[in-house]
Amino acid sequence: EDSKLDREDDRKLYPKHVIMDWGGVTRVDGTPVPFSRQAATALVSKMPAWVFDRLRLFCIRPENFTQLPEALPDAKTLAGN
């Protein structure tokens, strides 16, 4: 139960304080979704719990933020696709 509450708290916090920009986020038709706080909130709110949890796990590892951007996984890799 506590983990579900933590996840829901993080769904509110991530679009405001963690997700600062993005690339490669597209609509079903393939058109890019420009970054905005509103778009980040909508995306995070629609993520299945397991996908959001993988994002959370990625974000708690400091080494993921000390590497060059090209060495970091893309969204599909992060989601396990």
PDB file of N, CA and C in Angstrom:
ATOM      1  N   GLU A   1       0.830  -1.207   0.000  1.00  0.00           N
ATOM      2  CA  GLU A   1       0.000   0.000   0.000  1.00  0.00           C
ATOM      3  C   GLU A   1       0.869   1.263   0.000  1.00  0.00           C
ATOM      4  N   ASP A   2       1.916   1.265   0.828  1.00  0.00           N
ATOM      5  CA  ASP A   2       2.803   2.426   0.880  1.00  0.00           C
ATOM      6  C   ASP A   2       3.476   2.689  -0.458  1.00  0.00           C
ATOM      7  N   SER A   3       3.870   1.624  -1.161  1.00  0.00           N
ATOM      8  CA  SER A   3       4.533   1.818  -2.452  1.00  0.00           C
ATOM      9  C   SER A   3       3.579   2.442  -3.470  1.00  0.00           C
ATOM     10  N   LYS A   4       2.305   2.098  -3.395  1.00  0.00           N
ATOM     11  CA  LYS A   4       1.319   2.708  -4.299  1.00  0.00           C
ATOM     12  C   LYS A   4       1.161   4.196  -3.996  1.00  0.00           C
ATOM     13  N   LEU A   5       1.137   4.541  -2.719  1.00  0.00           N
ATOM     14  CA  LEU A   5       1.038   5.957  -2.338  1.00  0.00           C
ATOM     15  C   LEU A   5       2.277   6.726  -2.763  1.00  0.00           C
ATOM     16  N   ASP A   6       3.451   6.118  -2.582  1.00  0.00           N
ATOM     17  CA  ASP A   6       4.697   6.758  -3.017  1.00  0.00           C
ATOM     18  C   ASP A   6       4.686   6.984  -4.523  1.00  0.00           C
ATOM     19  N   ARG A   7       4.222   5.975  -5.272  1.00  0.00           N
ATOM     20  CA  ARG A   7       4.156   6.099  -6.729  1.00  0.00           C
ATOM     21  C   ARG A   7       3.245   7.251  -7.128  1.00  0.00           C
ATOM     22  N   GLU A   8       2.088   7.347  -6.500  1.00  0.00           N
ATOM     23  CA  GLU A   8       1.153   8.420  -6.852  1.00  0.00           C
ATOM     24  C   GLU A   8       1.722   9.796  -6.490  1.00  0.00           C
ATOM     25  N   ASP A   9       2.432   9.884  -5.367  1.00  0.00           N
ATOM     26  CA  ASP A   9       3.120  11.143  -5.028  1.00  0.00           C
ATOM     27  C   ASP A   9       4.147  11.485  -6.094  1.00  0.00           C
ATOM     28  N   ASP A  10       4.926  10.477  -6.518  1.00  0.00           N
ATOM     29  CA  ASP A  10       5.950  10.715  -7.538  1.00  0.00           C
ATOM     30  C   ASP A  10       5.337  11.099  -8.881  1.00  0.00           C
ATOM     31  N   ARG A  11       4.170  10.577  -9.194  1.00  0.00           N
ATOM     32  CA  ARG A  11       3.510  10.967 -10.453  1.00  0.00           C
ATOM     33  C   ARG A  11       3.203  12.468 -10.473  1.00  0.00           C
ATOM     34  N   LYS A  12       3.007  13.051  -9.306  1.00  0.00           N
ATOM     35  CA  LYS A  12       2.775  14.500  -9.216  1.00  0.00           C
ATOM     36  C   LYS A  12       4.087  15.275  -9.230  1.00  0.00           C
ATOM     37  N   LEU A  13       5.107  14.708  -8.591  1.00  0.00           N
ATOM     38  CA  LEU A  13       6.387  15.408  -8.454  1.00  0.00           C
ATOM     39  C   LEU A  13       7.254  15.355  -9.714  1.00  0.00           C
ATOM     40  N   TYR A  14       7.275  14.222 -10.407  1.00  0.00           N
ATOM     41  CA  TYR A  14       8.175  14.062 -11.551  1.00  0.00           C
ATOM     42  C   TYR A  14       7.951  15.102 -12.652  1.00  0.00           C
ATOM     43  N   PRO A  15       6.712  15.372 -13.067  1.00  0.00           N
ATOM     44  CA  PRO A  15       6.541  16.394 -14.117  1.00  0.00           C
ATOM     45  C   PRO A  15       6.964  17.797 -13.671  1.00  0.00           C
ATOM     46  N   LYS A  16       6.962  18.059 -12.385  1.00  0.00           N
ATOM     47  CA  LYS A  16       7.321  19.391 -11.875  1.00  0.00           C
ATOM     48  C   LYS A  16       8.807  19.533 -11.588  1.00  0.00           C
ATOM     49  N   HIS A  17       9.453  18.443 -11.108  1.00  0.00           N
ATOM     50  CA  HIS A  17      10.796  18.579 -10.569  1.00  0.00           C
ATOM     51  C   HIS A  17      11.846  17.649 -11.163  1.00  0.00           C
ATOM     52  N   VAL A  18      11.442  16.625 -11.884  1.00  0.00           N
ATOM     53  CA  VAL A  18      12.414  15.655 -12.388  1.00  0.00           C
ATOM     54  C   VAL A  18      12.513  15.707 -13.910  1.00  0.00           C
ATOM     55  N   ILE A  19      11.393  15.681 -14.596  1.00  0.00           N
ATOM     56  CA  ILE A  19      11.397  15.684 -16.067  1.00  0.00           C
ATOM     57  C   ILE A  19      11.549  17.132 -16.533  1.00  0.00           C
ATOM     58  N   MET A  20      12.716  17.434 -17.087  1.00  0.00           N
ATOM     59  CA  MET A  20      13.017  18.808 -17.488  1.00  0.00           C
ATOM     60  C   MET A  20      12.895  19.037 -18.992  1.00  0.00           C
ATOM     61  N   ASP A  21      12.948  17.969 -19.764  1.00  0.00           N
ATOM     62  CA  ASP A  21      12.870  18.064 -21.227  1.00  0.00           C
ATOM     63  C   ASP A  21      12.785  16.638 -21.749  1.00  0.00           C
ATOM     64  N   TRP A  22      12.533  16.488 -23.032  1.00  0.00           N
ATOM     65  CA  TRP A  22      12.557  15.159 -23.623  1.00  0.00           C
ATOM     66  C   TRP A  22      12.777  15.249 -25.115  1.00  0.00           C
ATOM     67  N   GLY A  23      13.096  14.116 -25.683  1.00  0.00           N
ATOM     68  CA  GLY A  23      13.226  13.960 -27.119  1.00  0.00           C
ATOM     69  C   GLY A  23      12.672  12.595 -27.482  1.00  0.00           C
ATOM     70  N   GLY A  24      12.110  12.487 -28.653  1.00  0.00           N
ATOM     71  CA  GLY A  24      11.626  11.199 -29.114  1.00  0.00           C
ATOM     72  C   GLY A  24      10.260  10.789 -28.598  1.00  0.00           C
ATOM     73  N   VAL A  25       9.567  11.685 -27.908  1.00  0.00           N
ATOM     74  CA  VAL A  25       8.211  11.379 -27.462  1.00  0.00           C
ATOM     75  C   VAL A  25       7.276  11.742 -28.607  1.00  0.00           C
ATOM     76  N   THR A  26       6.514  10.760 -29.068  1.00  0.00           N
ATOM     77  CA  THR A  26       5.635  10.985 -30.219  1.00  0.00           C
ATOM     78  C   THR A  26       4.212  10.527 -29.920  1.00  0.00           C
ATOM     79  N   ARG A  27       3.297  11.078 -30.706  1.00  0.00           N
ATOM     80  CA  ARG A  27       1.909  10.626 -30.661  1.00  0.00           C
ATOM     81  C   ARG A  27       1.806   9.315 -31.428  1.00  0.00           C
ATOM     82  N   VAL A  28       0.663   8.673 -31.364  1.00  0.00           N
ATOM     83  CA  VAL A  28       0.445   7.406 -32.067  1.00  0.00           C
ATOM     84  C   VAL A  28       0.724   7.557 -33.554  1.00  0.00           C
ATOM     85  N   ASP A  29       0.405   8.724 -34.125  1.00  0.00           N
ATOM     86  CA  ASP A  29       0.615   8.929 -35.561  1.00  0.00           C
ATOM     87  C   ASP A  29       2.061   9.279 -35.906  1.00  0.00           C
ATOM     88  N   GLY A  30       2.936   9.326 -34.893  1.00  0.00           N
ATOM     89  CA  GLY A  30       4.351   9.587 -35.141  1.00  0.00           C
ATOM     90  C   GLY A  30       4.777  11.042 -35.045  1.00  0.00           C
ATOM     91  N   THR A  31       3.833  11.951 -34.856  1.00  0.00           N
ATOM     92  CA  THR A  31       4.216  13.357 -34.738  1.00  0.00           C
ATOM     93  C   THR A  31       4.816  13.620 -33.352  1.00  0.00           C
ATOM     94  N   PRO A  32       5.865  14.448 -33.303  1.00  0.00           N
ATOM     95  CA  PRO A  32       6.513  14.718 -32.020  1.00  0.00           C
ATOM     96  C   PRO A  32       5.602  15.471 -31.053  1.00  0.00           C
ATOM     97  N   VAL A  33       5.765  15.192 -29.775  1.00  0.00           N
ATOM     98  CA  VAL A  33       5.054  15.913 -28.726  1.00  0.00           C
ATOM     99  C   VAL A  33       6.047  16.895 -28.121  1.00  0.00           C
ATOM    100  N   PRO A  34       5.822  18.197 -28.298  1.00  0.00           N
ATOM    101  CA  PRO A  34       6.736  19.170 -27.698  1.00  0.00           C
ATOM    102  C   PRO A  34       6.670  19.077 -26.171  1.00  0.00           C
ATOM    103  N   PHE A  35       7.817  19.282 -25.520  1.00  0.00           N
ATOM    104  CA  PHE A  35       7.839  19.220 -24.066  1.00  0.00           C
ATOM    105  C   PHE A  35       7.118  20.413 -23.454  1.00  0.00           C
ATOM    106  N   SER A  36       6.329  20.124 -22.444  1.00  0.00           N
ATOM    107  CA  SER A  36       5.728  21.139 -21.580  1.00  0.00           C
ATOM    108  C   SER A  36       5.405  20.447 -20.268  1.00  0.00           C
ATOM    109  N   ARG A  37       5.211  21.205 -19.234  1.00  0.00           N
ATOM    110  CA  ARG A  37       4.836  20.608 -17.940  1.00  0.00           C
ATOM    111  C   ARG A  37       3.494  19.876 -18.064  1.00  0.00           C
ATOM    112  N   GLN A  38       2.576  20.452 -18.828  1.00  0.00           N
ATOM    113  CA  GLN A  38       1.270  19.818 -19.003  1.00  0.00           C
ATOM    114  C   GLN A  38       1.400  18.493 -19.752  1.00  0.00           C
ATOM    115  N   ALA A  39       2.237  18.464 -20.780  1.00  0.00           N
ATOM    116  CA  ALA A  39       2.436  17.227 -21.536  1.00  0.00           C
ATOM    117  C   ALA A  39       3.121  16.173 -20.670  1.00  0.00           C
ATOM    118  N   ALA A  40       4.088  16.593 -19.853  1.00  0.00           N
ATOM    119  CA  ALA A  40       4.770  15.651 -18.957  1.00  0.00           C
ATOM    120  C   ALA A  40       3.791  15.080 -17.931  1.00  0.00           C
ATOM    121  N   THR A  41       2.931  15.928 -17.394  1.00  0.00           N
ATOM    122  CA  THR A  41       1.924  15.461 -16.439  1.00  0.00           C
ATOM    123  C   THR A  41       0.992  14.451 -17.094  1.00  0.00           C
ATOM    124  N   ALA A  42       0.554  14.748 -18.311  1.00  0.00           N
ATOM    125  CA  ALA A  42      -0.344  13.825 -19.022  1.00  0.00           C
ATOM    126  C   ALA A  42       0.347  12.496 -19.297  1.00  0.00           C
ATOM    127  N   LEU A  43       1.602  12.548 -19.740  1.00  0.00           N
ATOM    128  CA  LEU A  43       2.323  11.317 -20.043  1.00  0.00           C
ATOM    129  C   LEU A  43       2.508  10.462 -18.790  1.00  0.00           C
ATOM    130  N   VAL A  44       2.979  11.075 -17.715  1.00  0.00           N
ATOM    131  CA  VAL A  44       3.225  10.337 -16.475  1.00  0.00           C
ATOM    132  C   VAL A  44       1.925   9.751 -15.922  1.00  0.00           C
ATOM    133  N   SER A  45       0.841  10.485 -16.037  1.00  0.00           N
ATOM    134  CA  SER A  45      -0.429   9.990 -15.495  1.00  0.00           C
ATOM    135  C   SER A  45      -0.963   8.792 -16.268  1.00  0.00           C
ATOM    136  N   LYS A  46      -0.555   8.646 -17.543  1.00  0.00           N
ATOM    137  CA  LYS A  46      -1.044   7.544 -18.376  1.00  0.00           C
ATOM    138  C   LYS A  46      -0.101   6.345 -18.405  1.00  0.00           C
ATOM    139  N   MET A  47       1.102   6.497 -17.832  1.00  0.00           N
ATOM    140  CA  MET A  47       2.055   5.385 -17.838  1.00  0.00           C
ATOM    141  C   MET A  47       1.550   4.252 -16.954  1.00  0.00           C
ATOM    142  N   PRO A  48       1.635   3.015 -17.453  1.00  0.00           N
ATOM    143  CA  PRO A  48       1.344   1.899 -16.557  1.00  0.00           C
ATOM    144  C   PRO A  48       2.320   1.940 -15.374  1.00  0.00           C
ATOM    145  N   ALA A  49       1.909   1.398 -14.245  1.00  0.00           N
ATOM    146  CA  ALA A  49       2.736   1.441 -13.039  1.00  0.00           C
ATOM    147  C   ALA A  49       4.122   0.857 -13.283  1.00  0.00           C
ATOM    148  N   TRP A  50       4.225  -0.241 -14.021  1.00  0.00           N
ATOM    149  CA  TRP A  50       5.529  -0.881 -14.224  1.00  0.00           C
ATOM    150  C   TRP A  50       6.456  -0.008 -15.055  1.00  0.00           C
ATOM    151  N   VAL A  51       5.916   0.748 -16.000  1.00  0.00           N
ATOM    152  CA  VAL A  51       6.751   1.648 -16.811  1.00  0.00           C
ATOM    153  C   VAL A  51       7.211   2.823 -15.951  1.00  0.00           C
ATOM    154  N   PHE A  52       6.305   3.402 -15.202  1.00  0.00           N
ATOM    155  CA  PHE A  52       6.677   4.523 -14.335  1.00  0.00           C
ATOM    156  C   PHE A  52       7.690   4.071 -13.286  1.00  0.00           C
ATOM    157  N   ASP A  53       7.534   2.878 -12.770  1.00  0.00           N
ATOM    158  CA  ASP A  53       8.498   2.365 -11.789  1.00  0.00           C
ATOM    159  C   ASP A  53       9.889   2.210 -12.399  1.00  0.00           C
ATOM    160  N   ARG A  54       9.970   1.811 -13.653  1.00  0.00           N
ATOM    161  CA  ARG A  54      11.284   1.722 -14.315  1.00  0.00           C
ATOM    162  C   ARG A  54      11.898   3.107 -14.470  1.00  0.00           C
ATOM    163  N   LEU A  55      11.081   4.105 -14.780  1.00  0.00           N
ATOM    164  CA  LEU A  55      11.577   5.485 -14.846  1.00  0.00           C
ATOM    165  C   LEU A  55      12.095   5.914 -13.477  1.00  0.00           C
ATOM    166  N   ARG A  56      11.348   5.619 -12.443  1.00  0.00           N
ATOM    167  CA  ARG A  56      11.771   5.972 -11.077  1.00  0.00           C
ATOM    168  C   ARG A  56      13.084   5.300 -10.716  1.00  0.00           C
ATOM    169  N   LEU A  57      13.233   4.018 -11.060  1.00  0.00           N
ATOM    170  CA  LEU A  57      14.484   3.310 -10.780  1.00  0.00           C
ATOM    171  C   LEU A  57      15.658   3.942 -11.524  1.00  0.00           C
ATOM    172  N   PHE A  58      15.429   4.318 -12.769  1.00  0.00           N
ATOM    173  CA  PHE A  58      16.479   4.980 -13.542  1.00  0.00           C
ATOM    174  C   PHE A  58      16.896   6.285 -12.859  1.00  0.00           C
ATOM    175  N   CYS A  59      15.928   7.037 -12.399  1.00  0.00           N
ATOM    176  CA  CYS A  59      16.193   8.359 -11.835  1.00  0.00           C
ATOM    177  C   CYS A  59      16.863   8.331 -10.463  1.00  0.00           C
ATOM    178  N   ILE A  60      16.770   7.242  -9.739  1.00  0.00           N
ATOM    179  CA  ILE A  60      17.406   7.208  -8.420  1.00  0.00           C
ATOM    180  C   ILE A  60      18.874   6.804  -8.487  1.00  0.00           C
ATOM    181  N   ARG A  61      19.365   6.464  -9.660  1.00  0.00           N
ATOM    182  CA  ARG A  61      20.764   6.058  -9.815  1.00  0.00           C
ATOM    183  C   ARG A  61      21.595   7.244 -10.307  1.00  0.00           C
ATOM    184  N   PRO A  62      22.421   7.808  -9.437  1.00  0.00           N
ATOM    185  CA  PRO A  62      23.216   8.992  -9.819  1.00  0.00           C
ATOM    186  C   PRO A  62      24.083   8.773 -11.055  1.00  0.00           C
ATOM    187  N   GLU A  63      24.587   7.546 -11.242  1.00  0.00           N
ATOM    188  CA  GLU A  63      25.461   7.301 -12.395  1.00  0.00           C
ATOM    189  C   GLU A  63      24.748   7.535 -13.725  1.00  0.00           C
ATOM    190  N   ASN A  64      23.422   7.493 -13.737  1.00  0.00           N
ATOM    191  CA  ASN A  64      22.676   7.762 -14.966  1.00  0.00           C
ATOM    192  C   ASN A  64      22.718   9.241 -15.347  1.00  0.00           C
ATOM    193  N   PHE A  65      23.193  10.072 -14.439  1.00  0.00           N
ATOM    194  CA  PHE A  65      23.239  11.506 -14.702  1.00  0.00           C
ATOM    195  C   PHE A  65      24.666  12.038 -14.782  1.00  0.00           C
ATOM    196  N   THR A  66      25.634  11.127 -14.753  1.00  0.00           N
ATOM    197  CA  THR A  66      27.026  11.546 -14.844  1.00  0.00           C
ATOM    198  C   THR A  66      27.678  11.049 -16.119  1.00  0.00           C
ATOM    199  N   GLN A  67      26.938  10.351 -16.963  1.00  0.00           N
ATOM    200  CA  GLN A  67      27.448   9.847 -18.233  1.00  0.00           C
ATOM    201  C   GLN A  67      27.102  10.828 -19.348  1.00  0.00           C
ATOM    202  N   LEU A  68      27.802  10.693 -20.460  1.00  0.00           N
ATOM    203  CA  LEU A  68      27.465  11.494 -21.628  1.00  0.00           C
ATOM    204  C   LEU A  68      26.094  11.073 -22.139  1.00  0.00           C
ATOM    205  N   PRO A  69      25.282  12.020 -22.627  1.00  0.00           N
ATOM    206  CA  PRO A  69      23.918  11.684 -23.076  1.00  0.00           C
ATOM    207  C   PRO A  69      23.849  10.536 -24.074  1.00  0.00           C
ATOM    208  N   GLU A  70      24.813  10.434 -24.993  1.00  0.00           N
ATOM    209  CA  GLU A  70      24.741   9.357 -25.989  1.00  0.00           C
ATOM    210  C   GLU A  70      24.960   7.978 -25.368  1.00  0.00           C
ATOM    211  N   ALA A  71      25.495   7.928 -24.143  1.00  0.00           N
ATOM    212  CA  ALA A  71      25.703   6.649 -23.469  1.00  0.00           C
ATOM    213  C   ALA A  71      24.466   6.192 -22.691  1.00  0.00           C
ATOM    214  N   LEU A  72      23.485   7.064 -22.542  1.00  0.00           N
ATOM    215  CA  LEU A  72      22.276   6.738 -21.784  1.00  0.00           C
ATOM    216  C   LEU A  72      21.267   6.019 -22.663  1.00  0.00           C
ATOM    217  N   PRO A  73      20.442   5.148 -22.081  1.00  0.00           N
ATOM    218  CA  PRO A  73      19.452   4.438 -22.880  1.00  0.00           C
ATOM    219  C   PRO A  73      18.337   5.364 -23.362  1.00  0.00           C
ATOM    220  N   ASP A  74      17.758   5.024 -24.511  1.00  0.00           N
ATOM    221  CA  ASP A  74      16.612   5.787 -24.985  1.00  0.00           C
ATOM    222  C   ASP A  74      15.350   5.278 -24.283  1.00  0.00           C
ATOM    223  N   ALA A  75      14.229   5.928 -24.543  1.00  0.00           N
ATOM    224  CA  ALA A  75      12.981   5.598 -23.852  1.00  0.00           C
ATOM    225  C   ALA A  75      12.549   4.157 -24.101  1.00  0.00           C
ATOM    226  N   LYS A  76      12.728   3.653 -25.321  1.00  0.00           N
ATOM    227  CA  LYS A  76      12.317   2.278 -25.616  1.00  0.00           C
ATOM    228  C   LYS A  76      13.146   1.281 -24.822  1.00  0.00           C
ATOM    229  N   THR A  77      14.451   1.530 -24.724  1.00  0.00           N
ATOM    230  CA  THR A  77      15.314   0.646 -23.942  1.00  0.00           C
ATOM    231  C   THR A  77      14.941   0.698 -22.486  1.00  0.00           C
ATOM    232  N   LEU A  78      14.702   1.909 -21.976  1.00  0.00           N
ATOM    233  CA  LEU A  78      14.335   2.082 -20.582  1.00  0.00           C
ATOM    234  C   LEU A  78      13.038   1.338 -20.248  1.00  0.00           C
ATOM    235  N   ALA A  79      12.090   1.361 -21.169  1.00  0.00           N
ATOM    236  CA  ALA A  79      10.802   0.696 -20.955  1.00  0.00           C
ATOM    237  C   ALA A  79      10.880  -0.814 -21.196  1.00  0.00           C
ATOM    238  N   GLY A  80      12.017  -1.284 -21.698  1.00  0.00           N
ATOM    239  CA  GLY A  80      12.175  -2.707 -21.914  1.00  0.00           C
ATOM    240  C   GLY A  80      11.679  -3.206 -23.260  1.00  0.00           C
ATOM    241  N   ASN A  81      11.533  -2.304 -24.221  1.00  0.00           N
ATOM    242  CA  ASN A  81      11.054  -2.685 -25.559  1.00  0.00           C
ATOM    243  C   ASN A  81      12.197  -2.813 -26.522  1.00  0.00           C
TER     244      ASN A  81
END
